[in-house]
Every structure is written in structure tokens, then in C-alpha cells.
Amino acid sequence: MPRIADHEERRRQIADAVCRLITEQGLDAVTVARTAATAGMSVGLVQHYFRSKDEMLLHAFKEVSARIKGRADERIRAGIEHRRPISHVLAEALAEFLPLDETRRTEFRVTRAFAGRALDAAALAVVDVETAHRLREDVARAVHNGKECGEVAPELDPWPAAVRLTAVTEGLAMQVYRDAAQGTGPSAGEVAAAVIADELAVVFTGECRQYAAAGGTGPA
């Protein structure tokens, strides 16, 4: 078990080094040699785990995408555990994809760099497409669950709603990143929260029956 853990930790360290290089110098600056130096490893050790730069980049893309989704999933799990309205939980989950702090700004820059390279790299394109599709599926499932409990109108189609919500989130992320870089405008977090809340209000127009039965509006 310790040996497996060590391998996983080294792969994570290499992914972190790739992300750090992209953030500081851009994707073109990433080489096996620079990644090894940034990770504090030998070139030979990096090549032991990844035979090429493309393999290394693919792993880093998967790693950062999984981290973002993991946080969103944790928001959802906590919301389910505390029986919170689906719209509130979804607002928090979608916010994990917005560059509202240093960690998320770094992740956004990295994923944008990879998405650009994915236009000409088939393996990266697969990760990019699958990541986006899984997010839409998760949002569509949340909308469907909203229909089941009464937060969403019975006639609403979950998939188009999910496409719209994820498209707004993706575009909003770019706006937040640009505004923060320029240092202009009101609080990015406040604006982003308001935009997402407005979009969710179009979809989640009702109240969950479990809260209505209890005579309240549910927890915030």
C-alpha cells in the first residue's frame, strides 16, 4: 500500500508542477525537463511515469478537472445530507467552476490552456468533451430531481435547462476572470452569485414538497 500511495503522490506532484508552469509561463513553457525541476525530481523519474510530454499534459488535465468536480460533488453531498433546496445546492456547486479565489483562478487558467490545445490534440479533446458532458448530466439530474420534489415545473425538459445553466456558468467564468485581471467593476463574487441565482430562478420556480409539508421554506 505505501508503494502505491507513493506512486500516486508523485503523479500528483508532477501534475501540480505542470499546472504551476502553465500558470506562471504558459502552456508552451511546459517541458519534461522544466516539469522535473519544478517538481523537484529528476528527468528520469518524470519519464518513469510519463513517456512523453503529451502523456504528462493529459494526466495534468484529468487531475485538475477531477479536483474541480470533486469540490462540486462535495457541495452536492453536503446539500443532500442537510436536506437543502436543490437550487441552493446547485448554485454552490456551479460556483466551484468560477475563478473566485486564487485556487480557482489557477485552475481556470490551466483548464482554458488545455481547452485551447484540445482543438488540435485528440486525447485532450476527449477529456474536455467528457468533462463538459458530465457537468451537463449532473445539472440535468439536479433539474430532474427538482421536478420530482416540486422545485421544477413538471413540463420542463431537464437537458435544455442544463445546457443553458452550464453555458451561462462557462461564459460567466470568463467574465469573472477578465474583470478580476483588470481590477474593475463590483465584487466578482457578488455579481457571479446574482447571475447564477437569476438563471436558477428561471428553472427552479417551485418549492420542494418536503419543506411545504413542514410549513417552512427549508434551510438556506
C-alpha atoms as a PDB file:
ATOM      1  CA  MET A   1       0.000   0.000   0.000  1.00  0.00           C
ATOM      2  CA  PRO A   2       2.699   2.609   0.815  1.00  0.00           C
ATOM      3  CA  ARG A   3       4.351   1.993  -2.577  1.00  0.00           C
ATOM      4  CA  ILE A   4       1.042   2.583  -4.392  1.00  0.00           C
ATOM      5  CA  ALA A   5       0.477   5.748  -2.363  1.00  0.00           C
ATOM      6  CA  ASP A   6       3.967   6.958  -3.252  1.00  0.00           C
ATOM      7  CA  HIS A   7       3.287   6.461  -6.965  1.00  0.00           C
ATOM      8  CA  GLU A   8       0.008   8.356  -6.746  1.00  0.00           C
ATOM      9  CA  GLU A   9       1.676  11.172  -4.803  1.00  0.00           C
ATOM     10  CA  ARG A  10       4.449  11.514  -7.374  1.00  0.00           C
ATOM     11  CA  ARG A  11       1.950  11.634 -10.224  1.00  0.00           C
ATOM     12  CA  ARG A  12       0.063  14.324  -8.326  1.00  0.00           C
ATOM     13  CA  GLN A  13       3.281  16.287  -7.782  1.00  0.00           C
ATOM     14  CA  ILE A  14       4.043  16.130 -11.485  1.00  0.00           C
ATOM     15  CA  ALA A  15       0.535  17.357 -12.322  1.00  0.00           C
ATOM     16  CA  ASP A  16       0.960  20.207  -9.825  1.00  0.00           C
ATOM     17  CA  ALA A  17       4.261  21.167 -11.434  1.00  0.00           C
ATOM     18  CA  VAL A  18       2.659  21.230 -14.894  1.00  0.00           C
ATOM     19  CA  CYS A  19      -0.135  23.452 -13.602  1.00  0.00           C
ATOM     20  CA  ARG A  20       2.342  25.785 -11.908  1.00  0.00           C
ATOM     21  CA  LEU A  21       4.335  26.171 -15.122  1.00  0.00           C
ATOM     22  CA  ILE A  22       1.188  26.885 -17.140  1.00  0.00           C
ATOM     23  CA  THR A  23       0.053  29.478 -14.609  1.00  0.00           C
ATOM     24  CA  GLU A  24       3.402  31.258 -14.460  1.00  0.00           C
ATOM     25  CA  GLN A  25       4.712  30.899 -18.024  1.00  0.00           C
ATOM     26  CA  GLY A  26       2.010  29.418 -20.250  1.00  0.00           C
ATOM     27  CA  LEU A  27       1.453  26.029 -21.807  1.00  0.00           C
ATOM     28  CA  ASP A  28       4.308  26.312 -24.307  1.00  0.00           C
ATOM     29  CA  ALA A  29       6.769  26.576 -21.421  1.00  0.00           C
ATOM     30  CA  VAL A  30       5.935  23.070 -20.217  1.00  0.00           C
ATOM     31  CA  THR A  31       8.673  20.547 -20.964  1.00  0.00           C
ATOM     32  CA  VAL A  32       9.657  17.341 -19.239  1.00  0.00           C
ATOM     33  CA  ALA A  33      12.869  18.983 -18.008  1.00  0.00           C
ATOM     34  CA  ARG A  34      11.144  22.093 -16.620  1.00  0.00           C
ATOM     35  CA  THR A  35       8.425  19.984 -15.043  1.00  0.00           C
ATOM     36  CA  ALA A  36      11.023  17.819 -13.345  1.00  0.00           C
ATOM     37  CA  ALA A  37      12.851  20.876 -11.985  1.00  0.00           C
ATOM     38  CA  THR A  38       9.606  22.443 -10.757  1.00  0.00           C
ATOM     39  CA  ALA A  39       8.542  19.197  -9.075  1.00  0.00           C
ATOM     40  CA  GLY A  40      11.983  18.700  -7.521  1.00  0.00           C
ATOM     41  CA  MET A  41      12.518  15.424  -9.364  1.00  0.00           C
ATOM     42  CA  SER A  42      14.937  14.055 -11.916  1.00  0.00           C
ATOM     43  CA  VAL A  43      14.000  13.955 -15.582  1.00  0.00           C
ATOM     44  CA  GLY A  44      14.347  10.184 -15.440  1.00  0.00           C
ATOM     45  CA  LEU A  45      11.797   9.918 -12.627  1.00  0.00           C
ATOM     46  CA  VAL A  46       9.259  12.019 -14.510  1.00  0.00           C
ATOM     47  CA  GLN A  47       9.797   9.879 -17.602  1.00  0.00           C
ATOM     48  CA  HIS A  48       9.286   6.770 -15.495  1.00  0.00           C
ATOM     49  CA  TYR A  49       5.666   7.875 -15.012  1.00  0.00           C
ATOM     50  CA  PHE A  50       5.071   9.624 -18.334  1.00  0.00           C
ATOM     51  CA  ARG A  51       6.775   8.553 -21.535  1.00  0.00           C
ATOM     52  CA  SER A  52       6.098  11.836 -23.307  1.00  0.00           C
ATOM     53  CA  LYS A  53       5.093  15.440 -22.746  1.00  0.00           C
ATOM     54  CA  ASP A  54       1.648  14.684 -24.193  1.00  0.00           C
ATOM     55  CA  GLU A  55       1.050  11.910 -21.645  1.00  0.00           C
ATOM     56  CA  MET A  56       2.107  14.269 -18.872  1.00  0.00           C
ATOM     57  CA  LEU A  57      -0.216  17.017 -20.104  1.00  0.00           C
ATOM     58  CA  LEU A  58      -3.116  14.594 -20.418  1.00  0.00           C
ATOM     59  CA  HIS A  59      -2.672  13.447 -16.838  1.00  0.00           C
ATOM     60  CA  ALA A  60      -2.476  17.030 -15.557  1.00  0.00           C
ATOM     61  CA  PHE A  61      -5.680  17.955 -17.437  1.00  0.00           C
ATOM     62  CA  LYS A  62      -7.508  14.965 -15.943  1.00  0.00           C
ATOM     63  CA  GLU A  63      -6.157  15.776 -12.484  1.00  0.00           C
ATOM     64  CA  VAL A  64      -7.254  19.427 -12.394  1.00  0.00           C
ATOM     65  CA  SER A  65     -10.656  18.593 -13.937  1.00  0.00           C
ATOM     66  CA  ALA A  66     -11.202  15.920 -11.288  1.00  0.00           C
ATOM     67  CA  ARG A  67     -10.309  18.338  -8.481  1.00  0.00           C
ATOM     68  CA  ILE A  68     -12.894  20.880  -9.596  1.00  0.00           C
ATOM     69  CA  LYS A  69     -15.595  18.247  -9.998  1.00  0.00           C
ATOM     70  CA  GLY A  70     -14.658  16.728  -6.658  1.00  0.00           C
ATOM     71  CA  ARG A  71     -15.361  20.002  -4.859  1.00  0.00           C
ATOM     72  CA  ALA A  72     -18.661  20.413  -6.688  1.00  0.00           C
ATOM     73  CA  ASP A  73     -19.632  16.846  -5.771  1.00  0.00           C
ATOM     74  CA  GLU A  74     -18.784  17.552  -2.145  1.00  0.00           C
ATOM     75  CA  ARG A  75     -21.113  20.565  -2.201  1.00  0.00           C
ATOM     76  CA  ILE A  76     -23.857  18.321  -3.543  1.00  0.00           C
ATOM     77  CA  ARG A  77     -23.250  15.605  -0.940  1.00  0.00           C
ATOM     78  CA  ALA A  78     -23.353  18.152   1.879  1.00  0.00           C
ATOM     79  CA  GLY A  79     -26.544  19.662   0.481  1.00  0.00           C
ATOM     80  CA  ILE A  80     -28.242  16.270   0.317  1.00  0.00           C
ATOM     81  CA  GLU A  81     -27.110  15.432   3.840  1.00  0.00           C
ATOM     82  CA  HIS A  82     -28.580  18.660   5.227  1.00  0.00           C
ATOM     83  CA  ARG A  83     -31.715  18.421   3.044  1.00  0.00           C
ATOM     84  CA  ARG A  84     -31.207  21.829   1.452  1.00  0.00           C
ATOM     85  CA  PRO A  85     -33.178  23.079  -1.571  1.00  0.00           C
ATOM     86  CA  ILE A  86     -31.723  21.745  -4.812  1.00  0.00           C
ATOM     87  CA  SER A  87     -31.423  25.228  -6.315  1.00  0.00           C
ATOM     88  CA  HIS A  88     -29.261  26.378  -3.388  1.00  0.00           C
ATOM     89  CA  VAL A  89     -27.019  23.335  -3.626  1.00  0.00           C
ATOM     90  CA  LEU A  90     -26.665  23.708  -7.387  1.00  0.00           C
ATOM     91  CA  ALA A  91     -25.711  27.379  -7.009  1.00  0.00           C
ATOM     92  CA  GLU A  92     -22.827  26.397  -4.721  1.00  0.00           C
ATOM     93  CA  ALA A  93     -21.739  23.544  -6.981  1.00  0.00           C
ATOM     94  CA  LEU A  94     -21.658  25.751 -10.088  1.00  0.00           C
ATOM     95  CA  ALA A  95     -19.673  28.390  -8.198  1.00  0.00           C
ATOM     96  CA  GLU A  96     -16.816  25.886  -7.902  1.00  0.00           C
ATOM     97  CA  PHE A  97     -16.256  26.361 -11.649  1.00  0.00           C
ATOM     98  CA  LEU A  98     -15.833  30.127 -11.297  1.00  0.00           C
ATOM     99  CA  PRO A  99     -12.386  31.744 -10.702  1.00  0.00           C
ATOM    100  CA  LEU A 100     -13.399  33.459  -7.466  1.00  0.00           C
ATOM    101  CA  ASP A 101     -10.213  32.811  -5.477  1.00  0.00           C
ATOM    102  CA  GLU A 102      -6.561  32.082  -6.169  1.00  0.00           C
ATOM    103  CA  THR A 103      -7.039  28.306  -6.374  1.00  0.00           C
ATOM    104  CA  ARG A 104      -9.938  28.541  -8.795  1.00  0.00           C
ATOM    105  CA  ARG A 105      -8.211  31.255 -10.862  1.00  0.00           C
ATOM    106  CA  THR A 106      -5.203  28.971 -11.282  1.00  0.00           C
ATOM    107  CA  GLU A 107      -7.451  26.063 -12.240  1.00  0.00           C
ATOM    108  CA  PHE A 108      -9.367  28.225 -14.700  1.00  0.00           C
ATOM    109  CA  ARG A 109      -6.182  29.393 -16.414  1.00  0.00           C
ATOM    110  CA  VAL A 110      -4.952  25.813 -16.643  1.00  0.00           C
ATOM    111  CA  THR A 111      -8.209  24.375 -17.985  1.00  0.00           C
ATOM    112  CA  ARG A 112      -8.512  27.206 -20.522  1.00  0.00           C
ATOM    113  CA  ALA A 113      -4.992  26.498 -21.741  1.00  0.00           C
ATOM    114  CA  PHE A 114      -5.765  22.814 -22.094  1.00  0.00           C
ATOM    115  CA  ALA A 115      -9.097  23.502 -23.807  1.00  0.00           C
ATOM    116  CA  GLY A 116      -7.261  25.589 -26.413  1.00  0.00           C
ATOM    117  CA  ARG A 117      -4.715  22.847 -27.040  1.00  0.00           C
ATOM    118  CA  ALA A 118      -7.569  20.300 -27.194  1.00  0.00           C
ATOM    119  CA  LEU A 119      -8.634  21.838 -30.512  1.00  0.00           C
ATOM    120  CA  ASP A 120      -5.632  20.110 -32.100  1.00  0.00           C
ATOM    121  CA  ALA A 121      -4.954  17.254 -29.649  1.00  0.00           C
ATOM    122  CA  ALA A 122      -7.427  14.389 -29.810  1.00  0.00           C
ATOM    123  CA  ALA A 123      -6.632  12.923 -26.382  1.00  0.00           C
ATOM    124  CA  LEU A 124      -7.080  16.276 -24.646  1.00  0.00           C
ATOM    125  CA  ALA A 125     -10.264  16.879 -26.649  1.00  0.00           C
ATOM    126  CA  VAL A 126     -11.745  13.664 -25.240  1.00  0.00           C
ATOM    127  CA  VAL A 127     -11.142  14.863 -21.679  1.00  0.00           C
ATOM    128  CA  ASP A 128     -12.527  18.299 -22.493  1.00  0.00           C
ATOM    129  CA  VAL A 129     -15.710  16.916 -24.063  1.00  0.00           C
ATOM    130  CA  GLU A 130     -16.273  14.270 -21.384  1.00  0.00           C
ATOM    131  CA  THR A 131     -15.779  16.792 -18.569  1.00  0.00           C
ATOM    132  CA  ALA A 132     -18.298  19.188 -20.085  1.00  0.00           C
ATOM    133  CA  HIS A 133     -20.779  16.392 -20.775  1.00  0.00           C
ATOM    134  CA  ARG A 134     -20.578  15.046 -17.224  1.00  0.00           C
ATOM    135  CA  LEU A 135     -21.266  18.514 -15.846  1.00  0.00           C
ATOM    136  CA  ARG A 136     -24.345  18.885 -18.039  1.00  0.00           C
ATOM    137  CA  GLU A 137     -25.507  15.430 -16.966  1.00  0.00           C
ATOM    138  CA  ASP A 138     -25.099  16.359 -13.292  1.00  0.00           C
ATOM    139  CA  VAL A 139     -27.058  19.577 -13.741  1.00  0.00           C
ATOM    140  CA  ALA A 140     -29.764  17.798 -15.762  1.00  0.00           C
ATOM    141  CA  ARG A 141     -30.058  15.231 -12.957  1.00  0.00           C
ATOM    142  CA  ALA A 142     -30.448  18.032 -10.414  1.00  0.00           C
ATOM    143  CA  VAL A 143     -33.213  19.591 -12.536  1.00  0.00           C
ATOM    144  CA  HIS A 144     -34.917  16.187 -12.845  1.00  0.00           C
ATOM    145  CA  ASN A 145     -34.737  15.753  -9.070  1.00  0.00           C
ATOM    146  CA  GLY A 146     -36.237  19.216  -8.762  1.00  0.00           C
ATOM    147  CA  LYS A 147     -39.191  18.034 -10.847  1.00  0.00           C
ATOM    148  CA  GLU A 148     -39.603  15.033  -8.556  1.00  0.00           C
ATOM    149  CA  CYS A 149     -39.768  17.133  -5.386  1.00  0.00           C
ATOM    150  CA  GLY A 150     -41.690  20.106  -6.779  1.00  0.00           C
ATOM    151  CA  GLU A 151     -38.976  22.738  -7.208  1.00  0.00           C
ATOM    152  CA  VAL A 152     -39.211  22.493 -11.005  1.00  0.00           C
ATOM    153  CA  ALA A 153     -42.335  22.543 -13.173  1.00  0.00           C
ATOM    154  CA  PRO A 154     -43.345  19.032 -14.387  1.00  0.00           C
ATOM    155  CA  GLU A 155     -43.280  20.010 -18.073  1.00  0.00           C
ATOM    156  CA  LEU A 156     -39.737  21.432 -18.082  1.00  0.00           C
ATOM    157  CA  ASP A 157     -37.138  19.418 -20.057  1.00  0.00           C
ATOM    158  CA  PRO A 158     -34.015  18.962 -17.860  1.00  0.00           C
ATOM    159  CA  TRP A 159     -31.463  18.712 -20.686  1.00  0.00           C
ATOM    160  CA  PRO A 160     -32.012  22.114 -22.376  1.00  0.00           C
ATOM    161  CA  ALA A 161     -32.130  23.678 -18.917  1.00  0.00           C
ATOM    162  CA  ALA A 162     -28.799  22.038 -18.082  1.00  0.00           C
ATOM    163  CA  VAL A 163     -27.258  23.216 -21.357  1.00  0.00           C
ATOM    164  CA  ARG A 164     -28.322  26.787 -20.600  1.00  0.00           C
ATOM    165  CA  LEU A 165     -27.124  26.739 -16.984  1.00  0.00           C
ATOM    166  CA  THR A 166     -23.715  25.292 -17.842  1.00  0.00           C
ATOM    167  CA  ALA A 167     -23.305  27.669 -20.804  1.00  0.00           C
ATOM    168  CA  VAL A 168     -24.027  30.630 -18.536  1.00  0.00           C
ATOM    169  CA  THR A 169     -21.564  29.310 -15.956  1.00  0.00           C
ATOM    170  CA  GLU A 170     -18.839  28.828 -18.570  1.00  0.00           C
ATOM    171  CA  GLY A 171     -19.315  32.309 -20.001  1.00  0.00           C
ATOM    172  CA  LEU A 172     -19.561  33.832 -16.548  1.00  0.00           C
ATOM    173  CA  ALA A 173     -16.247  32.229 -15.577  1.00  0.00           C
ATOM    174  CA  MET A 174     -14.519  34.025 -18.454  1.00  0.00           C
ATOM    175  CA  GLN A 175     -16.130  37.347 -17.487  1.00  0.00           C
ATOM    176  CA  VAL A 176     -15.078  36.971 -13.855  1.00  0.00           C
ATOM    177  CA  TYR A 177     -11.519  36.106 -14.861  1.00  0.00           C
ATOM    178  CA  ARG A 178     -11.232  39.131 -17.148  1.00  0.00           C
ATOM    179  CA  ASP A 179     -12.776  41.555 -14.653  1.00  0.00           C
ATOM    180  CA  ALA A 180     -10.517  40.370 -11.849  1.00  0.00           C
ATOM    181  CA  ALA A 181      -7.465  40.729 -14.087  1.00  0.00           C
ATOM    182  CA  GLN A 182      -8.408  44.331 -14.865  1.00  0.00           C
ATOM    183  CA  GLY A 183      -9.329  45.099 -11.262  1.00  0.00           C
ATOM    184  CA  THR A 184     -12.503  46.874 -12.344  1.00  0.00           C
ATOM    185  CA  GLY A 185     -16.189  46.632 -11.516  1.00  0.00           C
ATOM    186  CA  PRO A 186     -18.072  45.478  -8.410  1.00  0.00           C
ATOM    187  CA  SER A 187     -17.257  42.353  -6.425  1.00  0.00           C
ATOM    188  CA  ALA A 188     -16.904  39.442  -8.833  1.00  0.00           C
ATOM    189  CA  GLY A 189     -18.314  37.059  -6.266  1.00  0.00           C
ATOM    190  CA  GLU A 190     -21.434  39.134  -5.704  1.00  0.00           C
ATOM    191  CA  VAL A 191     -22.104  39.612  -9.411  1.00  0.00           C
ATOM    192  CA  ALA A 192     -21.497  35.935 -10.172  1.00  0.00           C
ATOM    193  CA  ALA A 193     -23.806  34.815  -7.359  1.00  0.00           C
ATOM    194  CA  ALA A 194     -26.540  37.148  -8.591  1.00  0.00           C
ATOM    195  CA  VAL A 195     -26.258  35.936 -12.201  1.00  0.00           C
ATOM    196  CA  ILE A 196     -26.386  32.263 -11.207  1.00  0.00           C
ATOM    197  CA  ALA A 197     -29.282  32.916  -8.822  1.00  0.00           C
ATOM    198  CA  ASP A 198     -31.253  34.647 -11.592  1.00  0.00           C
ATOM    199  CA  GLU A 199     -30.671  31.777 -14.016  1.00  0.00           C
ATOM    200  CA  LEU A 200     -31.626  29.156 -11.426  1.00  0.00           C
ATOM    201  CA  ALA A 201     -34.775  31.107 -10.560  1.00  0.00           C
ATOM    202  CA  VAL A 202     -35.970  30.627 -14.147  1.00  0.00           C
ATOM    203  CA  VAL A 203     -35.698  26.842 -13.753  1.00  0.00           C
ATOM    204  CA  PHE A 204     -36.453  26.282 -10.073  1.00  0.00           C
ATOM    205  CA  THR A 205     -39.783  28.082  -9.811  1.00  0.00           C
ATOM    206  CA  GLY A 206     -41.427  25.980  -7.092  1.00  0.00           C
ATOM    207  CA  GLU A 207     -40.880  24.797  -3.557  1.00  0.00           C
ATOM    208  CA  CYS A 208     -39.816  21.321  -2.540  1.00  0.00           C
ATOM    209  CA  ARG A 209     -42.800  19.406  -1.138  1.00  0.00           C
ATOM    210  CA  GLN A 210     -40.844  18.273   1.908  1.00  0.00           C
ATOM    211  CA  TYR A 211     -40.496  21.913   3.006  1.00  0.00           C
ATOM    212  CA  ALA A 212     -44.068  22.798   2.137  1.00  0.00           C
ATOM    213  CA  ALA A 213     -45.299  19.841   4.199  1.00  0.00           C
ATOM    214  CA  ALA A 214     -43.221  21.061   7.121  1.00  0.00           C
ATOM    215  CA  GLY A 215     -44.767  24.518   6.822  1.00  0.00           C
ATOM    216  CA  GLY A 216     -41.486  26.289   6.054  1.00  0.00           C
ATOM    217  CA  THR A 217     -39.251  27.318   3.185  1.00  0.00           C
ATOM    218  CA  GLY A 218     -36.400  24.981   4.041  1.00  0.00           C
ATOM    219  CA  PRO A 219     -32.910  25.783   5.208  1.00  0.00           C
ATOM    220  CA  ALA A 220     -30.916  28.493   3.487  1.00  0.00           C
END
